[in-house]
Amino acid sequence: VDGTEVGFATLARAGDALVIVALVVDEPFRGYGIGSEAARLLIESAATSGYARVRASAPPHRGLATYFWYRMGLRASHDEGPNGGLLFE
């Protein structure tokens, strides 16, 4: 609301997919729904911008990231994500 930066997102394009390379909320601001709202806005924006898919990944040592992307409506792919993690679409 006051313009404070609370994190960042890194995005890339891979064919017809928008790839959420990173979605980071700084620690003091976690637990308030900022990450969920950012993910929701990115997914909605991708759809209205003509992307056929959205991809994201969860590192193998971050179980909460797996739950997060499921909660955001993405599903695990059969392909492996970066560094042995899970890839979501």
Protein backbone atom coordinates (compact mmCIF):
# COMPACT_ATOMS: atom_id res chain seq x y z
CA VAL A 1 0.00 0.00 0.00
CA ASP A 2 2.80 2.42 0.90
CA GLY A 3 5.14 1.35 -1.90
CA THR A 4 7.37 -0.82 0.27
CA GLU A 5 9.11 -3.56 -1.71
CA VAL A 6 8.41 -6.89 -0.06
CA GLY A 7 9.97 -9.33 -2.51
CA PHE A 8 10.36 -10.04 -6.20
CA ALA A 9 9.37 -12.31 -9.06
CA THR A 10 11.60 -13.48 -11.89
CA LEU A 11 9.80 -14.56 -15.06
CA ALA A 12 10.84 -16.13 -18.37
CA ARG A 13 9.16 -17.28 -21.56
CA ALA A 14 9.48 -20.86 -22.79
CA GLY A 15 7.51 -21.25 -26.02
CA ASP A 16 3.84 -20.79 -25.14
CA ALA A 17 4.49 -20.93 -21.37
CA LEU A 18 5.19 -18.23 -18.83
CA VAL A 19 7.77 -19.60 -16.40
CA ILE A 20 7.81 -18.31 -12.85
CA VAL A 21 11.52 -18.78 -12.22
CA ALA A 22 11.37 -17.30 -8.73
CA LEU A 23 8.69 -15.85 -6.48
CA VAL A 24 10.23 -14.53 -3.28
CA VAL A 25 8.64 -12.71 -0.36
CA ASP A 26 11.08 -11.20 2.12
CA GLU A 27 10.95 -12.94 5.49
CA PRO A 28 9.38 -10.12 7.56
CA PHE A 29 6.43 -10.03 5.15
CA ARG A 30 5.71 -13.77 4.93
CA GLY A 31 2.48 -15.21 6.26
CA TYR A 32 0.22 -12.39 5.08
CA GLY A 33 -0.84 -13.84 1.72
CA ILE A 34 1.48 -11.69 -0.39
CA GLY A 35 3.00 -14.68 -2.22
CA SER A 36 -0.41 -16.20 -2.92
CA GLU A 37 -1.75 -12.91 -4.25
CA ALA A 38 1.34 -12.38 -6.41
CA ALA A 39 1.07 -15.91 -7.83
CA ARG A 40 -2.65 -15.44 -8.51
CA LEU A 41 -1.99 -12.16 -10.34
CA LEU A 42 0.84 -13.68 -12.39
CA ILE A 43 -1.29 -16.68 -13.40
CA GLU A 44 -4.26 -14.46 -14.34
CA SER A 45 -2.01 -12.05 -16.25
CA ALA A 46 -0.42 -14.92 -18.15
CA ALA A 47 -3.85 -16.17 -19.24
CA THR A 48 -5.02 -12.74 -20.40
CA SER A 49 -1.70 -12.17 -22.19
CA GLY A 50 -2.14 -15.25 -24.35
CA TYR A 51 0.13 -17.76 -22.64
CA ALA A 52 -1.19 -21.30 -22.93
CA ARG A 53 0.56 -22.50 -19.77
CA VAL A 54 2.23 -21.32 -16.60
CA ARG A 55 5.16 -23.25 -15.19
CA ALA A 56 6.85 -23.07 -11.80
CA SER A 57 9.09 -25.38 -9.83
CA ALA A 58 9.62 -26.46 -6.26
CA PRO A 59 13.14 -27.24 -5.04
CA PRO A 60 13.57 -30.79 -3.71
CA HIS A 61 14.23 -29.55 -0.16
CA ARG A 62 11.22 -27.18 0.04
CA GLY A 63 8.07 -29.16 0.78
CA LEU A 64 6.03 -26.02 1.41
CA ALA A 65 6.75 -24.83 -2.14
CA THR A 66 5.13 -28.02 -3.46
CA TYR A 67 2.02 -27.38 -1.38
CA PHE A 68 2.02 -23.71 -2.44
CA TRP A 69 1.93 -24.43 -6.19
CA TYR A 70 -0.78 -27.08 -5.72
CA ARG A 71 -2.81 -24.52 -3.79
CA MET A 72 -2.31 -22.03 -6.64
CA GLY A 73 -3.92 -24.51 -9.05
CA LEU A 74 -0.79 -25.86 -10.74
CA ARG A 75 -0.18 -29.59 -10.98
CA ALA A 76 3.04 -31.58 -10.95
CA SER A 77 4.39 -32.45 -14.38
CA HIS A 78 6.12 -35.68 -15.36
CA ASP A 79 9.20 -33.63 -16.24
CA GLU A 80 11.84 -32.91 -13.63
CA GLY A 81 12.31 -29.36 -12.42
CA PRO A 82 15.61 -27.56 -11.90
CA ASN A 83 18.12 -29.29 -9.62
CA GLY A 84 15.95 -32.37 -9.21
CA GLY A 85 12.88 -30.53 -7.96
CA LEU A 86 9.29 -30.81 -9.12
CA LEU A 87 8.02 -28.99 -12.20
CA PHE A 88 4.46 -27.65 -12.05
CA GLU A 89 2.10 -26.52 -14.83
